[in-house]
Amino acid sequence: MDNEMINREKVDILRREVLEIVKNRLNGSSLQESLGVTKKSDFSLVTLVDKEVSDMMHVQFSDLINKEGLHFFSEEDQKSFGFPAIILDPIDGTRELSKGLGECSVSLAIMSSPSEGFAWLYNPFTGFELSSADTWVEPVTYNEDRLFGYVSKGDMKKGLLDHLNDVDNVTIAARGSIAFKLGLLASGACDFVYSKTPKNIWDIAAGTLLCWQRGYKLYQVGREVSSLADKKIAGELIWCREECAEVLHNSLVK
């Protein structure tokens, strides 16, 4: 399974397949029509891209699923959850996708346990991509005086972050897709990511693995989270460097 998880040729295949699905759907007709945007029973949006990427991934990893006994747990296919697992959000940021915005990401985690595995994030619109196989150099320092981080558009619209208007040691910006935001954090584009509301494991598995692998940690109400063993994770989540955790908790969590 380890060789499969870090196989660059496999990642190249997945990238090409995702691009083909997206390009075929954006075929010149109206965006809503070409994407086939509908609402699920919980009123969240789903597109044909979500469904087709999920089905494609299931086929691509059929050997691991059938021969190695991996559970396949996707937002669009939630029948089997356990470890080892393939945990997938075919498109995290479906709402942004439906508007034609580039704030979305394929979020794929192949986890040998709730705390270890291979992760891949890929935005087919911008080409932004990050995986556990990428080499990188650790940043020397960070924005100590004023920490910059990304938060949820939904949390912002609901007024859940209004208290941050009076905080003078952090700056926030709202972006869609928690997976995309975690990819930005893992790539050094911000100092933290904050979610006040709960997240499903398919939303955060790949991004959290990448953050862990690059020295960032996940905290929930001030306590470190080192395992993703549950389908849903309660809110007040902060991903950041360990040395920033206390000040961010005191500043962000009301």
C-alpha atoms as a PDB file:
ATOM      1  CA  MET A   1       0.000   0.000   0.000  1.00  0.00           C
ATOM      2  CA  ASP A   2       2.861   2.439   0.742  1.00  0.00           C
ATOM      3  CA  ASN A   3       4.167   2.248  -2.839  1.00  0.00           C
ATOM      4  CA  GLU A   4       0.686   2.954  -4.132  1.00  0.00           C
ATOM      5  CA  MET A   5       0.332   5.972  -1.871  1.00  0.00           C
ATOM      6  CA  ILE A   6       3.464   7.729  -3.141  1.00  0.00           C
ATOM      7  CA  ASN A   7       3.281   6.673  -6.762  1.00  0.00           C
ATOM      8  CA  ARG A   8       3.737   9.844  -8.831  1.00  0.00           C
ATOM      9  CA  GLU A   9       2.510   8.097 -11.962  1.00  0.00           C
ATOM     10  CA  LYS A  10      -0.781   7.411 -10.208  1.00  0.00           C
ATOM     11  CA  VAL A  11      -1.117  11.065  -9.220  1.00  0.00           C
ATOM     12  CA  ASP A  12      -0.469  12.072 -12.838  1.00  0.00           C
ATOM     13  CA  ILE A  13      -3.291   9.765 -13.957  1.00  0.00           C
ATOM     14  CA  LEU A  14      -5.685  11.194 -11.367  1.00  0.00           C
ATOM     15  CA  ARG A  15      -4.830  14.754 -12.384  1.00  0.00           C
ATOM     16  CA  ARG A  16      -5.514  14.015 -16.064  1.00  0.00           C
ATOM     17  CA  GLU A  17      -8.802  12.287 -15.225  1.00  0.00           C
ATOM     18  CA  VAL A  18     -10.003  15.173 -13.063  1.00  0.00           C
ATOM     19  CA  LEU A  19      -9.081  17.716 -15.736  1.00  0.00           C
ATOM     20  CA  GLU A  20     -10.939  15.749 -18.381  1.00  0.00           C
ATOM     21  CA  ILE A  21     -14.073  15.521 -16.239  1.00  0.00           C
ATOM     22  CA  VAL A  22     -14.059  19.252 -15.496  1.00  0.00           C
ATOM     23  CA  LYS A  23     -13.325  20.277 -19.089  1.00  0.00           C
ATOM     24  CA  ASN A  24     -16.061  18.008 -20.435  1.00  0.00           C
ATOM     25  CA  ARG A  25     -18.582  19.544 -18.053  1.00  0.00           C
ATOM     26  CA  LEU A  26     -17.637  23.142 -18.828  1.00  0.00           C
ATOM     27  CA  ASN A  27     -18.721  22.701 -22.415  1.00  0.00           C
ATOM     28  CA  GLY A  28     -19.909  26.169 -23.303  1.00  0.00           C
ATOM     29  CA  SER A  29     -23.517  25.951 -22.120  1.00  0.00           C
ATOM     30  CA  SER A  30     -24.687  27.773 -19.000  1.00  0.00           C
ATOM     31  CA  LEU A  31     -22.589  26.980 -15.944  1.00  0.00           C
ATOM     32  CA  GLN A  32     -25.479  25.640 -13.859  1.00  0.00           C
ATOM     33  CA  GLU A  33     -26.695  23.462 -16.724  1.00  0.00           C
ATOM     34  CA  SER A  34     -23.298  22.064 -17.721  1.00  0.00           C
ATOM     35  CA  LEU A  35     -22.362  21.263 -14.115  1.00  0.00           C
ATOM     36  CA  GLY A  36     -25.767  19.741 -13.399  1.00  0.00           C
ATOM     37  CA  VAL A  37     -26.092  21.585 -10.080  1.00  0.00           C
ATOM     38  CA  THR A  38     -28.706  20.096  -7.732  1.00  0.00           C
ATOM     39  CA  LYS A  39     -29.396  20.025  -4.003  1.00  0.00           C
ATOM     40  CA  LYS A  40     -29.053  16.979  -1.770  1.00  0.00           C
ATOM     41  CA  SER A  41     -31.428  16.061   1.052  1.00  0.00           C
ATOM     42  CA  ASP A  42     -29.412  18.218   3.471  1.00  0.00           C
ATOM     43  CA  PHE A  43     -29.740  21.155   1.018  1.00  0.00           C
ATOM     44  CA  SER A  44     -26.006  21.157   0.227  1.00  0.00           C
ATOM     45  CA  LEU A  45     -25.094  21.491  -3.434  1.00  0.00           C
ATOM     46  CA  VAL A  46     -23.803  18.678  -5.608  1.00  0.00           C
ATOM     47  CA  THR A  47     -22.701  18.692  -9.251  1.00  0.00           C
ATOM     48  CA  LEU A  48     -22.057  16.069 -11.874  1.00  0.00           C
ATOM     49  CA  VAL A  49     -18.352  16.814 -11.397  1.00  0.00           C
ATOM     50  CA  ASP A  50     -18.592  15.681  -7.751  1.00  0.00           C
ATOM     51  CA  LYS A  51     -20.278  12.430  -8.746  1.00  0.00           C
ATOM     52  CA  GLU A  52     -18.018  11.696 -11.702  1.00  0.00           C
ATOM     53  CA  VAL A  53     -14.783  12.399  -9.815  1.00  0.00           C
ATOM     54  CA  SER A  54     -15.969  10.149  -6.976  1.00  0.00           C
ATOM     55  CA  ASP A  55     -16.800   7.313  -9.380  1.00  0.00           C
ATOM     56  CA  MET A  56     -13.486   7.738 -11.201  1.00  0.00           C
ATOM     57  CA  MET A  57     -11.516   7.559  -7.943  1.00  0.00           C
ATOM     58  CA  HIS A  58     -13.383   4.422  -6.911  1.00  0.00           C
ATOM     59  CA  VAL A  59     -12.358   2.749 -10.159  1.00  0.00           C
ATOM     60  CA  GLN A  60      -8.757   4.002  -9.991  1.00  0.00           C
ATOM     61  CA  PHE A  61      -8.298   2.554  -6.497  1.00  0.00           C
ATOM     62  CA  SER A  62     -10.329  -0.615  -6.968  1.00  0.00           C
ATOM     63  CA  ASP A  63      -7.253  -2.804  -6.390  1.00  0.00           C
ATOM     64  CA  LEU A  64      -6.570  -1.248  -2.998  1.00  0.00           C
ATOM     65  CA  ILE A  65     -10.236  -1.476  -2.089  1.00  0.00           C
ATOM     66  CA  ASN A  66     -10.682  -5.086  -3.185  1.00  0.00           C
ATOM     67  CA  LYS A  67      -7.269  -6.633  -2.533  1.00  0.00           C
ATOM     68  CA  GLU A  68      -5.999  -4.595   0.418  1.00  0.00           C
ATOM     69  CA  GLY A  69      -9.349  -4.123   2.126  1.00  0.00           C
ATOM     70  CA  LEU A  70      -9.335  -0.322   2.188  1.00  0.00           C
ATOM     71  CA  HIS A  71     -12.595   1.397   2.995  1.00  0.00           C
ATOM     72  CA  PHE A  72     -13.719   3.916   0.375  1.00  0.00           C
ATOM     73  CA  PHE A  73     -15.413   6.855   2.070  1.00  0.00           C
ATOM     74  CA  SER A  74     -16.415   9.720  -0.204  1.00  0.00           C
ATOM     75  CA  GLU A  75     -18.871  12.557   0.295  1.00  0.00           C
ATOM     76  CA  GLU A  76     -20.790  11.030  -2.597  1.00  0.00           C
ATOM     77  CA  ASP A  77     -20.335   7.422  -1.435  1.00  0.00           C
ATOM     78  CA  GLN A  78     -20.622   7.087   2.333  1.00  0.00           C
ATOM     79  CA  LYS A  79     -21.315   3.363   2.677  1.00  0.00           C
ATOM     80  CA  SER A  80     -17.973   2.253   4.144  1.00  0.00           C
ATOM     81  CA  PHE A  81     -15.978   3.990   6.891  1.00  0.00           C
ATOM     82  CA  GLY A  82     -13.001   2.568   8.771  1.00  0.00           C
ATOM     83  CA  PHE A  83      -9.234   2.248   8.549  1.00  0.00           C
ATOM     84  CA  PRO A  84      -7.208   1.789   6.450  1.00  0.00           C
ATOM     85  CA  ALA A  85      -9.204   4.101   4.234  1.00  0.00           C
ATOM     86  CA  ILE A  86      -9.458   6.173   1.101  1.00  0.00           C
ATOM     87  CA  ILE A  87     -11.188   9.382   2.192  1.00  0.00           C
ATOM     88  CA  LEU A  88     -12.330  11.657  -0.592  1.00  0.00           C
ATOM     89  CA  ASP A  89     -14.108  14.898  -1.164  1.00  0.00           C
ATOM     90  CA  PRO A  90     -14.418  14.880  -4.978  1.00  0.00           C
ATOM     91  CA  ILE A  91     -14.754  18.663  -5.003  1.00  0.00           C
ATOM     92  CA  ASP A  92     -14.481  20.502  -1.719  1.00  0.00           C
ATOM     93  CA  GLY A  93     -15.995  23.908  -2.387  1.00  0.00           C
ATOM     94  CA  THR A  94     -18.907  22.785  -4.559  1.00  0.00           C
ATOM     95  CA  ARG A  95     -20.699  26.076  -3.915  1.00  0.00           C
ATOM     96  CA  GLU A  96     -17.686  27.981  -5.291  1.00  0.00           C
ATOM     97  CA  LEU A  97     -17.468  25.585  -8.241  1.00  0.00           C
ATOM     98  CA  SER A  98     -21.141  26.198  -9.046  1.00  0.00           C
ATOM     99  CA  LYS A  99     -20.389  29.933  -9.246  1.00  0.00           C
ATOM    100  CA  GLY A 100     -17.347  29.444 -11.451  1.00  0.00           C
ATOM    101  CA  LEU A 101     -14.921  30.434  -8.695  1.00  0.00           C
ATOM    102  CA  GLY A 102     -11.518  28.784  -8.362  1.00  0.00           C
ATOM    103  CA  GLU A 103     -11.740  28.314  -4.589  1.00  0.00           C
ATOM    104  CA  CYS A 104     -12.203  24.558  -4.606  1.00  0.00           C
ATOM    105  CA  SER A 105     -10.108  21.417  -4.460  1.00  0.00           C
ATOM    106  CA  VAL A 106     -10.088  17.676  -4.933  1.00  0.00           C
ATOM    107  CA  SER A 107      -9.252  16.352  -1.462  1.00  0.00           C
ATOM    108  CA  LEU A 108      -7.844  12.809  -1.372  1.00  0.00           C
ATOM    109  CA  ALA A 109      -6.383  11.047   1.648  1.00  0.00           C
ATOM    110  CA  ILE A 110      -5.185   7.432   1.642  1.00  0.00           C
ATOM    111  CA  MET A 111      -4.830   6.696   5.329  1.00  0.00           C
ATOM    112  CA  SER A 112      -3.167   3.655   6.851  1.00  0.00           C
ATOM    113  CA  SER A 113      -4.448   4.843  10.249  1.00  0.00           C
ATOM    114  CA  PRO A 114      -6.394   7.833  11.600  1.00  0.00           C
ATOM    115  CA  SER A 115      -3.136   9.778  11.924  1.00  0.00           C
ATOM    116  CA  GLU A 116      -0.936   8.706   8.990  1.00  0.00           C
ATOM    117  CA  GLY A 117      -1.178   8.447   5.230  1.00  0.00           C
ATOM    118  CA  PHE A 118      -0.746  10.054   1.834  1.00  0.00           C
ATOM    119  CA  ALA A 119      -2.601  13.233   0.892  1.00  0.00           C
ATOM    120  CA  TRP A 120      -3.268  15.017  -2.390  1.00  0.00           C
ATOM    121  CA  LEU A 121      -4.992  18.358  -2.964  1.00  0.00           C
ATOM    122  CA  TYR A 122      -5.621  19.573  -6.486  1.00  0.00           C
ATOM    123  CA  ASN A 123      -7.435  22.593  -7.909  1.00  0.00           C
ATOM    124  CA  PRO A 124      -8.159  21.914 -11.603  1.00  0.00           C
ATOM    125  CA  PHE A 125      -8.951  25.595 -12.274  1.00  0.00           C
ATOM    126  CA  THR A 126      -5.774  27.192 -10.964  1.00  0.00           C
ATOM    127  CA  GLY A 127      -3.395  24.238 -11.122  1.00  0.00           C
ATOM    128  CA  PHE A 128      -2.670  24.588  -7.406  1.00  0.00           C
ATOM    129  CA  GLU A 129      -1.492  21.174  -6.231  1.00  0.00           C
ATOM    130  CA  LEU A 130       0.122  19.726  -3.137  1.00  0.00           C
ATOM    131  CA  SER A 131       0.862  16.166  -2.099  1.00  0.00           C
ATOM    132  CA  SER A 132       2.715  14.203   0.527  1.00  0.00           C
ATOM    133  CA  ALA A 133       5.297  13.295  -2.120  1.00  0.00           C
ATOM    134  CA  ASP A 134       6.331  16.918  -2.762  1.00  0.00           C
ATOM    135  CA  THR A 135       9.673  18.156  -1.460  1.00  0.00           C
ATOM    136  CA  TRP A 136       9.779  21.452   0.396  1.00  0.00           C
ATOM    137  CA  VAL A 137      11.898  23.725   2.569  1.00  0.00           C
ATOM    138  CA  GLU A 138      10.557  24.717   5.989  1.00  0.00           C
ATOM    139  CA  PRO A 139       9.983  28.482   6.416  1.00  0.00           C
ATOM    140  CA  VAL A 140      12.483  30.187   8.693  1.00  0.00           C
ATOM    141  CA  THR A 141       9.953  32.265  10.615  1.00  0.00           C
ATOM    142  CA  TYR A 142       6.347  33.461  10.525  1.00  0.00           C
ATOM    143  CA  ASN A 143       4.323  36.667  10.993  1.00  0.00           C
ATOM    144  CA  GLU A 144       4.839  36.994  14.737  1.00  0.00           C
ATOM    145  CA  ASP A 145       3.471  40.539  15.143  1.00  0.00           C
ATOM    146  CA  ARG A 146       0.198  40.059  13.272  1.00  0.00           C
ATOM    147  CA  LEU A 147      -0.868  36.552  12.312  1.00  0.00           C
ATOM    148  CA  PHE A 148      -2.729  36.132   9.026  1.00  0.00           C
ATOM    149  CA  GLY A 149      -5.236  33.360   8.478  1.00  0.00           C
ATOM    150  CA  TYR A 150      -8.114  32.093   6.368  1.00  0.00           C
ATOM    151  CA  VAL A 151     -11.633  31.534   7.667  1.00  0.00           C
ATOM    152  CA  SER A 152     -14.904  30.198   6.320  1.00  0.00           C
ATOM    153  CA  LYS A 153     -17.142  32.317   4.114  1.00  0.00           C
ATOM    154  CA  GLY A 154     -20.108  30.623   5.775  1.00  0.00           C
ATOM    155  CA  ASP A 155     -18.889  31.438   9.278  1.00  0.00           C
ATOM    156  CA  MET A 156     -18.328  35.027   8.185  1.00  0.00           C
ATOM    157  CA  LYS A 157     -21.793  35.429   6.614  1.00  0.00           C
ATOM    158  CA  LYS A 158     -23.503  34.017   9.711  1.00  0.00           C
ATOM    159  CA  GLY A 159     -21.807  36.629  11.870  1.00  0.00           C
ATOM    160  CA  LEU A 160     -19.928  33.976  13.834  1.00  0.00           C
ATOM    161  CA  LEU A 161     -16.668  35.876  13.417  1.00  0.00           C
ATOM    162  CA  ASP A 162     -17.879  39.388  14.184  1.00  0.00           C
ATOM    163  CA  HIS A 163     -15.948  39.336  17.454  1.00  0.00           C
ATOM    164  CA  LEU A 164     -12.712  39.296  15.467  1.00  0.00           C
ATOM    165  CA  ASN A 165     -13.312  42.882  14.362  1.00  0.00           C
ATOM    166  CA  ASP A 166     -11.922  43.974  17.726  1.00  0.00           C
ATOM    167  CA  VAL A 167      -8.860  41.699  17.694  1.00  0.00           C
ATOM    168  CA  ASP A 168      -5.687  43.577  16.838  1.00  0.00           C
ATOM    169  CA  ASN A 169      -3.110  40.775  16.586  1.00  0.00           C
ATOM    170  CA  VAL A 170      -4.692  38.755  13.755  1.00  0.00           C
ATOM    171  CA  THR A 171      -5.884  39.478  10.231  1.00  0.00           C
ATOM    172  CA  ILE A 172      -8.401  37.213   8.536  1.00  0.00           C
ATOM    173  CA  ALA A 173      -9.684  36.669   5.014  1.00  0.00           C
ATOM    174  CA  ALA A 174     -12.620  34.492   3.988  1.00  0.00           C
ATOM    175  CA  ARG A 175     -12.136  31.806   1.336  1.00  0.00           C
ATOM    176  CA  GLY A 176     -14.222  28.890   0.126  1.00  0.00           C
ATOM    177  CA  SER A 177     -13.246  25.233   0.598  1.00  0.00           C
ATOM    178  CA  ILE A 178     -11.564  24.203   3.835  1.00  0.00           C
ATOM    179  CA  ALA A 179      -9.387  21.785   1.848  1.00  0.00           C
ATOM    180  CA  PHE A 180      -8.148  24.644  -0.343  1.00  0.00           C
ATOM    181  CA  LYS A 181      -7.445  26.784   2.733  1.00  0.00           C
ATOM    182  CA  LEU A 182      -5.502  23.974   4.416  1.00  0.00           C
ATOM    183  CA  GLY A 183      -3.473  23.554   1.242  1.00  0.00           C
ATOM    184  CA  LEU A 184      -2.611  27.255   1.381  1.00  0.00           C
ATOM    185  CA  LEU A 185      -1.535  26.883   5.009  1.00  0.00           C
ATOM    186  CA  ALA A 186       0.592  23.810   4.258  1.00  0.00           C
ATOM    187  CA  SER A 187       2.239  25.721   1.408  1.00  0.00           C
ATOM    188  CA  GLY A 188       3.098  28.658   3.691  1.00  0.00           C
ATOM    189  CA  ALA A 189       0.577  31.158   2.308  1.00  0.00           C
ATOM    190  CA  CYS A 190      -0.903  31.967   5.730  1.00  0.00           C
ATOM    191  CA  ASP A 191      -0.256  31.439   9.448  1.00  0.00           C
ATOM    192  CA  PHE A 192      -3.458  29.661  10.424  1.00  0.00           C
ATOM    193  CA  VAL A 193      -6.830  28.347   9.321  1.00  0.00           C
ATOM    194  CA  TYR A 194      -9.819  28.672  11.646  1.00  0.00           C
ATOM    195  CA  SER A 195     -13.190  26.940  11.479  1.00  0.00           C
ATOM    196  CA  LYS A 196     -15.815  27.757  14.071  1.00  0.00           C
ATOM    197  CA  THR A 197     -18.258  25.148  12.742  1.00  0.00           C
ATOM    198  CA  PRO A 198     -17.959  21.322  12.482  1.00  0.00           C
ATOM    199  CA  LYS A 199     -16.279  19.641   9.520  1.00  0.00           C
ATOM    200  CA  ASN A 200     -16.757  16.242   7.930  1.00  0.00           C
ATOM    201  CA  ILE A 201     -13.675  14.082   7.710  1.00  0.00           C
ATOM    202  CA  TRP A 202     -13.708  14.183   3.908  1.00  0.00           C
ATOM    203  CA  ASP A 203     -13.418  17.993   4.140  1.00  0.00           C
ATOM    204  CA  ILE A 204     -10.236  18.023   6.205  1.00  0.00           C
ATOM    205  CA  ALA A 205      -8.464  14.635   6.026  1.00  0.00           C
ATOM    206  CA  ALA A 206      -6.060  15.424   3.172  1.00  0.00           C
ATOM    207  CA  GLY A 207      -5.401  19.003   4.247  1.00  0.00           C
ATOM    208  CA  THR A 208      -4.800  18.022   7.854  1.00  0.00           C
ATOM    209  CA  LEU A 209      -2.366  15.268   6.858  1.00  0.00           C
ATOM    210  CA  LEU A 210      -0.408  17.735   4.734  1.00  0.00           C
ATOM    211  CA  CYS A 211      -0.322  20.233   7.604  1.00  0.00           C
ATOM    212  CA  TRP A 212       0.845  17.567  10.055  1.00  0.00           C
ATOM    213  CA  GLN A 213       3.531  16.445   7.643  1.00  0.00           C
ATOM    214  CA  ARG A 214       4.799  20.029   7.345  1.00  0.00           C
ATOM    215  CA  GLY A 215       4.946  20.814  11.038  1.00  0.00           C
ATOM    216  CA  TYR A 216       1.547  22.402  11.634  1.00  0.00           C
ATOM    217  CA  LYS A 217      -0.837  21.069  14.260  1.00  0.00           C
ATOM    218  CA  LEU A 218      -4.589  20.893  14.689  1.00  0.00           C
ATOM    219  CA  TYR A 219      -6.237  22.207  17.840  1.00  0.00           C
ATOM    220  CA  GLN A 220      -9.841  21.942  18.999  1.00  0.00           C
ATOM    221  CA  VAL A 221     -10.868  24.333  21.787  1.00  0.00           C
ATOM    222  CA  GLY A 222      -7.222  24.583  22.845  1.00  0.00           C
ATOM    223  CA  ARG A 223      -6.445  20.849  22.812  1.00  0.00           C
ATOM    224  CA  GLU A 224      -4.282  19.201  20.185  1.00  0.00           C
ATOM    225  CA  VAL A 225      -6.019  16.735  17.868  1.00  0.00           C
ATOM    226  CA  SER A 226      -3.664  14.024  16.624  1.00  0.00           C
ATOM    227  CA  SER A 227      -6.166  11.530  15.189  1.00  0.00           C
ATOM    228  CA  LEU A 228      -8.980  11.743  12.631  1.00  0.00           C
ATOM    229  CA  ALA A 229     -10.959   8.712  13.713  1.00  0.00           C
ATOM    230  CA  ASP A 230     -14.476  10.154  13.464  1.00  0.00           C
ATOM    231  CA  LYS A 231     -16.724  10.965  10.521  1.00  0.00           C
ATOM    232  CA  LYS A 232     -17.403  14.461  11.861  1.00  0.00           C
ATOM    233  CA  ILE A 233     -15.189  16.758  13.891  1.00  0.00           C
ATOM    234  CA  ALA A 234     -16.712  19.439  16.128  1.00  0.00           C
ATOM    235  CA  GLY A 235     -15.883  23.081  15.500  1.00  0.00           C
ATOM    236  CA  GLU A 236     -13.527  25.637  17.042  1.00  0.00           C
ATOM    237  CA  LEU A 237     -10.731  24.136  14.951  1.00  0.00           C
ATOM    238  CA  ILE A 238      -7.410  25.922  14.515  1.00  0.00           C
ATOM    239  CA  TRP A 239      -4.596  24.657  12.306  1.00  0.00           C
ATOM    240  CA  CYS A 240      -1.330  26.463  13.047  1.00  0.00           C
ATOM    241  CA  ARG A 241       2.242  26.232  14.319  1.00  0.00           C
ATOM    242  CA  GLU A 242       2.543  25.021  17.897  1.00  0.00           C
ATOM    243  CA  GLU A 243       4.147  28.284  19.005  1.00  0.00           C
ATOM    244  CA  CYS A 244       1.098  30.241  17.751  1.00  0.00           C
ATOM    245  CA  ALA A 245      -1.569  28.004  19.269  1.00  0.00           C
ATOM    246  CA  GLU A 246      -2.151  29.710  22.588  1.00  0.00           C
ATOM    247  CA  VAL A 247      -2.298  33.257  21.288  1.00  0.00           C
ATOM    248  CA  LEU A 248      -4.593  32.224  18.449  1.00  0.00           C
ATOM    249  CA  HIS A 249      -6.934  30.356  20.786  1.00  0.00           C
ATOM    250  CA  ASN A 250      -7.159  33.396  23.050  1.00  0.00           C
ATOM    251  CA  SER A 251      -7.773  35.694  20.075  1.00  0.00           C
ATOM    252  CA  LEU A 252     -10.116  33.590  17.944  1.00  0.00           C
ATOM    253  CA  VAL A 253     -12.244  31.473  20.257  1.00  0.00           C
ATOM    254  CA  LYS A 254     -15.025  33.466  21.861  1.00  0.00           C
END
